[in-house]
Amino acid sequence: MSGSVIEIARSWIGTPYVHQASVKGAGCDCLGLLRGVWRETFGSEPEDVPAYSMDWSEPQGDECLMRAGHRHMVVKTLGECVVGDVLLFRMRTGSVAKHLGIQSKVGDNPQFIHAYSGHGVIESRLSLPWRRRIVGRFVLPIQE
């Protein structure tokens, strides 16, 4: 499954960054990328996503992406690195975790695919500064 997930995620590379969007080639944010990969893998999203602001869930300190990961995906320990893992990042200490990516390579040169403001969907090196921000690691569920 992870090979096809990575192929799907890579097919989104070059999609512009557009807050709240989830349309390959037209625009998406990091959640929109995961939503699009989910749709291409499973056919429909597991739940509706309400509208959200750029600072969503921060004022309330609400870990909504962490909870959604626990609801809809298999939770892994942070040290288990496998291609296809969904990564959840906390961008600043004390803030809520609200950036997502998909691990595309492991080993000496780990990489991940994500939608990043100002860059669109890109494949980035999973450098030490990025790795230090990972607070959740999930596996997309196996469809029955």
N, C-alpha and C. Protein backbone atom coordinates (compact mmCIF):
# COMPACT_ATOMS: atom_id res chain seq x y z
N MET A 1 0.82 -1.20 0.00
CA MET A 1 0.00 0.00 0.00
C MET A 1 0.86 1.26 0.00
N SER A 2 1.96 1.30 0.78
CA SER A 2 2.71 2.55 0.91
C SER A 2 3.30 3.00 -0.42
N GLY A 3 3.69 2.08 -1.29
CA GLY A 3 4.18 2.48 -2.60
C GLY A 3 3.15 3.28 -3.36
N SER A 4 1.92 2.81 -3.37
CA SER A 4 0.88 3.54 -4.09
C SER A 4 0.55 4.86 -3.40
N VAL A 5 0.63 4.91 -2.08
CA VAL A 5 0.40 6.16 -1.36
C VAL A 5 1.46 7.18 -1.76
N ILE A 6 2.70 6.76 -1.86
CA ILE A 6 3.78 7.67 -2.24
C ILE A 6 3.61 8.11 -3.69
N GLU A 7 3.24 7.19 -4.57
CA GLU A 7 2.99 7.57 -5.97
C GLU A 7 1.88 8.62 -6.04
N ILE A 8 0.82 8.40 -5.28
CA ILE A 8 -0.28 9.36 -5.26
C ILE A 8 0.20 10.70 -4.71
N ALA A 9 0.90 10.69 -3.58
CA ALA A 9 1.38 11.93 -2.98
C ALA A 9 2.32 12.67 -3.94
N ARG A 10 3.20 11.94 -4.60
CA ARG A 10 4.12 12.58 -5.55
C ARG A 10 3.37 13.20 -6.73
N SER A 11 2.23 12.62 -7.09
CA SER A 11 1.46 13.18 -8.21
C SER A 11 0.87 14.55 -7.85
N TRP A 12 0.88 14.91 -6.58
CA TRP A 12 0.41 16.23 -6.12
C TRP A 12 1.52 17.27 -6.13
N ILE A 13 2.79 16.85 -6.27
CA ILE A 13 3.90 17.80 -6.25
C ILE A 13 3.69 18.86 -7.34
N GLY A 14 3.89 20.10 -6.94
CA GLY A 14 3.67 21.23 -7.84
C GLY A 14 2.32 21.89 -7.65
N THR A 15 1.41 21.23 -6.91
CA THR A 15 0.12 21.86 -6.60
C THR A 15 0.38 23.08 -5.73
N PRO A 16 -0.17 24.25 -6.09
CA PRO A 16 0.07 25.46 -5.29
C PRO A 16 -0.53 25.34 -3.89
N TYR A 17 0.06 26.08 -2.95
CA TYR A 17 -0.48 26.13 -1.59
C TYR A 17 -1.70 27.04 -1.58
N VAL A 18 -2.83 26.49 -1.19
CA VAL A 18 -4.07 27.27 -1.02
C VAL A 18 -4.72 26.79 0.27
N HIS A 19 -4.83 27.70 1.22
CA HIS A 19 -5.42 27.38 2.53
C HIS A 19 -6.81 26.78 2.37
N GLN A 20 -7.09 25.68 3.04
CA GLN A 20 -8.34 24.93 3.08
C GLN A 20 -8.67 24.16 1.81
N ALA A 21 -7.87 24.30 0.77
CA ALA A 21 -8.19 23.62 -0.50
C ALA A 21 -7.66 22.19 -0.49
N SER A 22 -8.20 21.38 -1.41
CA SER A 22 -7.80 19.98 -1.53
C SER A 22 -8.05 19.47 -2.95
N VAL A 23 -7.49 20.21 -3.94
CA VAL A 23 -7.70 19.86 -5.35
C VAL A 23 -6.34 19.76 -6.04
N LYS A 24 -6.00 18.56 -6.47
CA LYS A 24 -4.72 18.33 -7.13
C LYS A 24 -4.56 19.28 -8.32
N GLY A 25 -3.42 19.92 -8.39
CA GLY A 25 -3.11 20.81 -9.49
C GLY A 25 -3.65 22.22 -9.32
N ALA A 26 -4.71 22.38 -8.55
CA ALA A 26 -5.33 23.70 -8.35
C ALA A 26 -4.89 24.33 -7.04
N GLY A 27 -4.85 23.55 -5.96
CA GLY A 27 -4.42 24.09 -4.68
C GLY A 27 -4.77 23.20 -3.51
N CYS A 28 -3.91 23.23 -2.50
CA CYS A 28 -4.16 22.51 -1.26
C CYS A 28 -3.25 23.04 -0.17
N ASP A 29 -3.62 22.75 1.07
CA ASP A 29 -2.72 22.96 2.20
C ASP A 29 -2.29 21.58 2.66
N CYS A 30 -1.59 21.49 3.79
CA CYS A 30 -1.06 20.19 4.21
C CYS A 30 -2.18 19.19 4.53
N LEU A 31 -3.26 19.66 5.15
CA LEU A 31 -4.39 18.79 5.41
C LEU A 31 -5.08 18.42 4.11
N GLY A 32 -5.18 19.37 3.19
CA GLY A 32 -5.78 19.10 1.89
C GLY A 32 -5.03 18.05 1.10
N LEU A 33 -3.69 18.05 1.21
CA LEU A 33 -2.89 17.01 0.56
C LEU A 33 -3.25 15.65 1.12
N LEU A 34 -3.28 15.53 2.44
CA LEU A 34 -3.63 14.24 3.05
C LEU A 34 -5.05 13.84 2.67
N ARG A 35 -5.97 14.79 2.67
CA ARG A 35 -7.36 14.49 2.28
C ARG A 35 -7.40 13.97 0.84
N GLY A 36 -6.64 14.61 -0.06
CA GLY A 36 -6.63 14.17 -1.46
C GLY A 36 -6.02 12.79 -1.62
N VAL A 37 -4.92 12.52 -0.92
CA VAL A 37 -4.30 11.19 -0.97
C VAL A 37 -5.28 10.16 -0.41
N TRP A 38 -5.96 10.52 0.69
CA TRP A 38 -6.95 9.62 1.28
C TRP A 38 -8.05 9.29 0.26
N ARG A 39 -8.58 10.32 -0.41
CA ARG A 39 -9.65 10.09 -1.39
C ARG A 39 -9.18 9.19 -2.52
N GLU A 40 -7.96 9.43 -3.02
CA GLU A 40 -7.45 8.60 -4.12
C GLU A 40 -7.16 7.18 -3.67
N THR A 41 -6.89 6.99 -2.38
CA THR A 41 -6.61 5.65 -1.86
C THR A 41 -7.88 4.90 -1.49
N PHE A 42 -8.83 5.60 -0.84
CA PHE A 42 -10.00 4.93 -0.28
C PHE A 42 -11.33 5.32 -0.92
N GLY A 43 -11.37 6.40 -1.67
CA GLY A 43 -12.61 6.79 -2.34
C GLY A 43 -13.38 7.90 -1.66
N SER A 44 -13.36 7.96 -0.36
CA SER A 44 -14.04 9.05 0.34
C SER A 44 -13.32 9.34 1.65
N GLU A 45 -13.51 10.56 2.13
CA GLU A 45 -12.85 10.96 3.38
C GLU A 45 -13.62 10.39 4.57
N PRO A 46 -12.92 10.15 5.69
CA PRO A 46 -13.58 9.53 6.84
C PRO A 46 -14.55 10.46 7.57
N GLU A 47 -14.38 11.77 7.42
CA GLU A 47 -15.31 12.73 8.05
C GLU A 47 -15.19 14.06 7.33
N ASP A 48 -16.22 14.89 7.47
CA ASP A 48 -16.19 16.23 6.90
C ASP A 48 -15.24 17.10 7.70
N VAL A 49 -14.53 17.97 7.01
CA VAL A 49 -13.61 18.90 7.67
C VAL A 49 -14.29 20.27 7.69
N PRO A 50 -14.50 20.82 8.88
CA PRO A 50 -15.11 22.15 8.95
C PRO A 50 -14.13 23.22 8.45
N ALA A 51 -14.65 24.39 8.11
CA ALA A 51 -13.79 25.50 7.73
C ALA A 51 -12.86 25.81 8.90
N TYR A 52 -11.64 26.24 8.59
CA TYR A 52 -10.68 26.55 9.63
C TYR A 52 -9.84 27.75 9.21
N SER A 53 -9.41 28.52 10.21
CA SER A 53 -8.59 29.70 9.96
C SER A 53 -7.12 29.30 9.96
N MET A 54 -6.25 30.23 9.60
CA MET A 54 -4.81 29.96 9.60
C MET A 54 -4.30 29.62 11.00
N ASP A 55 -4.91 30.19 12.02
CA ASP A 55 -4.48 29.91 13.40
C ASP A 55 -5.39 28.88 14.09
N TRP A 56 -6.12 28.11 13.28
CA TRP A 56 -7.11 27.17 13.80
C TRP A 56 -6.55 26.34 14.95
N SER A 57 -7.39 26.17 15.91
CA SER A 57 -7.18 25.36 17.11
C SER A 57 -6.12 25.92 18.05
N GLU A 58 -5.35 26.92 17.64
CA GLU A 58 -4.34 27.49 18.54
C GLU A 58 -4.94 28.24 19.72
N PRO A 59 -5.91 29.15 19.48
CA PRO A 59 -6.45 29.88 20.64
C PRO A 59 -7.02 28.95 21.72
N GLN A 60 -7.61 27.84 21.30
CA GLN A 60 -8.21 26.90 22.25
C GLN A 60 -7.20 25.86 22.75
N GLY A 61 -6.04 25.77 22.10
CA GLY A 61 -5.08 24.73 22.45
C GLY A 61 -5.60 23.35 22.10
N ASP A 62 -6.42 23.27 21.07
CA ASP A 62 -7.11 22.04 20.70
C ASP A 62 -6.25 21.20 19.75
N GLU A 63 -5.90 20.01 20.16
CA GLU A 63 -5.09 19.09 19.35
C GLU A 63 -6.00 18.29 18.40
N CYS A 64 -6.73 19.00 17.54
CA CYS A 64 -7.72 18.32 16.70
C CYS A 64 -7.08 17.38 15.68
N LEU A 65 -5.93 17.72 15.11
CA LEU A 65 -5.30 16.81 14.16
C LEU A 65 -4.79 15.54 14.84
N MET A 66 -4.28 15.68 16.05
CA MET A 66 -3.83 14.50 16.80
C MET A 66 -5.01 13.58 17.07
N ARG A 67 -6.13 14.16 17.50
CA ARG A 67 -7.32 13.34 17.77
C ARG A 67 -7.82 12.67 16.50
N ALA A 68 -7.83 13.40 15.40
CA ALA A 68 -8.28 12.82 14.12
C ALA A 68 -7.36 11.67 13.70
N GLY A 69 -6.07 11.85 13.90
CA GLY A 69 -5.13 10.76 13.60
C GLY A 69 -5.44 9.52 14.39
N HIS A 70 -5.75 9.70 15.67
CA HIS A 70 -6.09 8.55 16.53
C HIS A 70 -7.43 7.93 16.12
N ARG A 71 -8.34 8.72 15.61
CA ARG A 71 -9.66 8.19 15.19
C ARG A 71 -9.57 7.40 13.90
N HIS A 72 -8.75 7.85 12.96
CA HIS A 72 -8.85 7.32 11.60
C HIS A 72 -7.63 6.56 11.09
N MET A 73 -6.54 6.57 11.86
CA MET A 73 -5.34 5.90 11.40
C MET A 73 -4.76 5.04 12.52
N VAL A 74 -3.80 4.21 12.16
CA VAL A 74 -3.11 3.37 13.12
C VAL A 74 -1.97 4.21 13.72
N VAL A 75 -1.92 4.30 15.04
CA VAL A 75 -0.90 5.08 15.73
C VAL A 75 0.38 4.25 15.84
N LYS A 76 1.52 4.89 15.55
CA LYS A 76 2.82 4.24 15.65
C LYS A 76 3.67 4.95 16.68
N THR A 77 4.74 4.31 17.12
CA THR A 77 5.71 5.00 17.95
C THR A 77 6.53 5.91 17.04
N LEU A 78 7.08 6.96 17.59
CA LEU A 78 7.79 7.94 16.77
C LEU A 78 9.03 7.36 16.12
N GLY A 79 9.65 6.36 16.70
CA GLY A 79 10.87 5.79 16.15
C GLY A 79 10.68 4.82 15.00
N GLU A 80 9.45 4.37 14.76
CA GLU A 80 9.18 3.42 13.68
C GLU A 80 9.00 4.17 12.37
N CYS A 81 10.03 4.24 11.55
CA CYS A 81 9.98 5.02 10.31
C CYS A 81 9.78 4.10 9.11
N VAL A 82 8.67 4.27 8.43
CA VAL A 82 8.35 3.47 7.25
C VAL A 82 7.84 4.41 6.15
N VAL A 83 8.23 4.13 4.93
CA VAL A 83 7.71 4.90 3.80
C VAL A 83 6.18 4.79 3.81
N GLY A 84 5.51 5.92 3.64
CA GLY A 84 4.06 5.96 3.64
C GLY A 84 3.46 6.43 4.96
N ASP A 85 4.29 6.54 6.00
CA ASP A 85 3.78 7.04 7.29
C ASP A 85 3.27 8.47 7.14
N VAL A 86 2.18 8.77 7.83
CA VAL A 86 1.68 10.14 7.93
C VAL A 86 2.36 10.76 9.15
N LEU A 87 2.98 11.92 8.95
CA LEU A 87 3.71 12.60 10.00
C LEU A 87 2.93 13.83 10.46
N LEU A 88 2.87 14.01 11.77
CA LEU A 88 2.23 15.19 12.36
C LEU A 88 3.30 15.98 13.08
N PHE A 89 3.39 17.27 12.77
CA PHE A 89 4.44 18.14 13.30
C PHE A 89 3.87 19.22 14.21
N ARG A 90 4.61 19.53 15.26
CA ARG A 90 4.35 20.71 16.10
C ARG A 90 5.40 21.73 15.69
N MET A 91 4.97 22.80 15.05
CA MET A 91 5.91 23.75 14.46
C MET A 91 6.61 24.63 15.50
N ARG A 92 5.97 24.87 16.63
CA ARG A 92 6.58 25.67 17.69
C ARG A 92 6.30 25.00 19.03
N THR A 93 7.25 25.05 19.93
CA THR A 93 7.06 24.51 21.28
C THR A 93 5.87 25.20 21.93
N GLY A 94 5.00 24.43 22.51
CA GLY A 94 3.83 24.98 23.20
C GLY A 94 2.64 25.24 22.30
N SER A 95 2.81 25.11 20.99
CA SER A 95 1.67 25.30 20.09
C SER A 95 1.04 23.94 19.77
N VAL A 96 -0.11 23.96 19.14
CA VAL A 96 -0.76 22.71 18.76
C VAL A 96 -0.05 22.13 17.53
N ALA A 97 -0.15 20.82 17.37
CA ALA A 97 0.40 20.15 16.20
C ALA A 97 -0.54 20.38 15.03
N LYS A 98 -0.02 21.02 13.96
CA LYS A 98 -0.94 21.33 12.87
C LYS A 98 -0.28 21.33 11.49
N HIS A 99 0.81 20.60 11.33
CA HIS A 99 1.38 20.43 10.00
C HIS A 99 1.50 18.94 9.73
N LEU A 100 1.17 18.54 8.50
CA LEU A 100 1.16 17.13 8.12
C LEU A 100 2.06 16.89 6.92
N GLY A 101 2.59 15.68 6.85
CA GLY A 101 3.35 15.26 5.70
C GLY A 101 3.30 13.74 5.59
N ILE A 102 3.84 13.22 4.50
CA ILE A 102 3.87 11.78 4.27
C ILE A 102 5.32 11.37 4.01
N GLN A 103 5.84 10.47 4.81
CA GLN A 103 7.24 10.03 4.67
C GLN A 103 7.41 9.34 3.33
N SER A 104 8.37 9.83 2.53
CA SER A 104 8.57 9.27 1.19
C SER A 104 9.88 8.49 1.05
N LYS A 105 10.82 8.72 1.96
CA LYS A 105 12.08 7.97 1.95
C LYS A 105 12.54 7.81 3.39
N VAL A 106 13.21 6.68 3.67
CA VAL A 106 13.81 6.45 4.98
C VAL A 106 15.31 6.21 4.76
N GLY A 107 16.04 6.01 5.83
CA GLY A 107 17.47 5.73 5.71
C GLY A 107 18.30 6.97 5.89
N ASP A 108 19.44 7.00 5.17
CA ASP A 108 20.41 8.09 5.33
C ASP A 108 19.90 9.44 4.84
N ASN A 109 18.98 9.44 3.91
CA ASN A 109 18.45 10.68 3.34
C ASN A 109 16.92 10.67 3.41
N PRO A 110 16.34 10.70 4.64
CA PRO A 110 14.88 10.62 4.74
C PRO A 110 14.22 11.86 4.12
N GLN A 111 13.04 11.65 3.54
CA GLN A 111 12.31 12.74 2.90
C GLN A 111 10.83 12.59 3.19
N PHE A 112 10.10 13.68 2.98
CA PHE A 112 8.65 13.65 3.13
C PHE A 112 8.01 14.61 2.15
N ILE A 113 6.76 14.35 1.85
CA ILE A 113 5.97 15.17 0.93
C ILE A 113 4.96 15.93 1.76
N HIS A 114 4.88 17.24 1.51
CA HIS A 114 3.95 18.08 2.27
C HIS A 114 3.62 19.32 1.47
N ALA A 115 2.53 19.96 1.84
CA ALA A 115 2.14 21.25 1.26
C ALA A 115 2.58 22.31 2.24
N TYR A 116 3.39 23.23 1.76
CA TYR A 116 4.03 24.20 2.63
C TYR A 116 3.75 25.60 2.09
N SER A 117 3.28 26.47 2.97
CA SER A 117 2.95 27.83 2.59
C SER A 117 4.13 28.50 1.88
N GLY A 118 3.85 29.10 0.75
CA GLY A 118 4.89 29.76 -0.03
C GLY A 118 5.62 28.83 -0.99
N HIS A 119 5.39 27.52 -0.88
CA HIS A 119 6.09 26.54 -1.72
C HIS A 119 5.15 25.61 -2.48
N GLY A 120 3.95 25.38 -1.98
CA GLY A 120 3.06 24.39 -2.57
C GLY A 120 3.45 22.99 -2.11
N VAL A 121 3.03 21.99 -2.87
CA VAL A 121 3.36 20.61 -2.51
C VAL A 121 4.76 20.32 -3.02
N ILE A 122 5.61 19.91 -2.08
CA ILE A 122 7.01 19.64 -2.37
C ILE A 122 7.45 18.37 -1.64
N GLU A 123 8.58 17.83 -2.08
CA GLU A 123 9.22 16.74 -1.36
C GLU A 123 10.46 17.33 -0.72
N SER A 124 10.53 17.28 0.59
CA SER A 124 11.61 17.91 1.35
C SER A 124 12.45 16.88 2.08
N ARG A 125 13.66 17.27 2.37
CA ARG A 125 14.53 16.45 3.22
C ARG A 125 13.95 16.47 4.63
N LEU A 126 13.85 15.32 5.25
CA LEU A 126 13.37 15.24 6.63
C LEU A 126 14.59 15.44 7.53
N SER A 127 15.05 16.70 7.56
CA SER A 127 16.25 17.08 8.30
C SER A 127 16.00 17.00 9.80
N LEU A 128 17.07 17.12 10.56
CA LEU A 128 16.95 17.06 12.01
C LEU A 128 15.96 18.10 12.56
N PRO A 129 15.98 19.36 12.09
CA PRO A 129 14.97 20.31 12.60
C PRO A 129 13.53 19.84 12.34
N TRP A 130 13.28 19.24 11.17
CA TRP A 130 11.94 18.71 10.90
C TRP A 130 11.67 17.50 11.80
N ARG A 131 12.62 16.58 11.91
CA ARG A 131 12.41 15.36 12.71
C ARG A 131 12.11 15.71 14.17
N ARG A 132 12.75 16.75 14.68
CA ARG A 132 12.51 17.15 16.07
C ARG A 132 11.08 17.65 16.29
N ARG A 133 10.43 18.06 15.23
CA ARG A 133 9.06 18.60 15.34
C ARG A 133 7.98 17.51 15.23
N ILE A 134 8.36 16.28 14.88
CA ILE A 134 7.37 15.21 14.73
C ILE A 134 6.82 14.83 16.10
N VAL A 135 5.50 14.88 16.24
CA VAL A 135 4.85 14.49 17.50
C VAL A 135 3.83 13.37 17.29
N GLY A 136 3.61 13.00 16.05
CA GLY A 136 2.70 11.90 15.75
C GLY A 136 3.14 11.20 14.47
N ARG A 137 3.00 9.89 14.47
CA ARG A 137 3.33 9.07 13.30
C ARG A 137 2.20 8.06 13.17
N PHE A 138 1.58 8.02 11.98
CA PHE A 138 0.41 7.20 11.75
C PHE A 138 0.53 6.41 10.46
N VAL A 139 -0.25 5.35 10.35
CA VAL A 139 -0.36 4.56 9.14
C VAL A 139 -1.79 4.66 8.65
N LEU A 140 -1.95 4.89 7.35
CA LEU A 140 -3.30 4.88 6.79
C LEU A 140 -3.91 3.51 7.02
N PRO A 141 -5.19 3.45 7.34
CA PRO A 141 -5.81 2.16 7.65
C PRO A 141 -5.91 1.29 6.41
N ILE A 142 -5.93 -0.01 6.65
CA ILE A 142 -6.15 -0.96 5.56
C ILE A 142 -7.64 -1.10 5.34
N GLN A 143 -8.08 -0.88 4.12
CA GLN A 143 -9.50 -1.01 3.80
C GLN A 143 -9.88 -2.49 3.73
N GLU A 144 -11.03 -2.80 4.26
CA GLU A 144 -11.51 -4.19 4.24
C GLU A 144 -12.20 -4.50 2.93
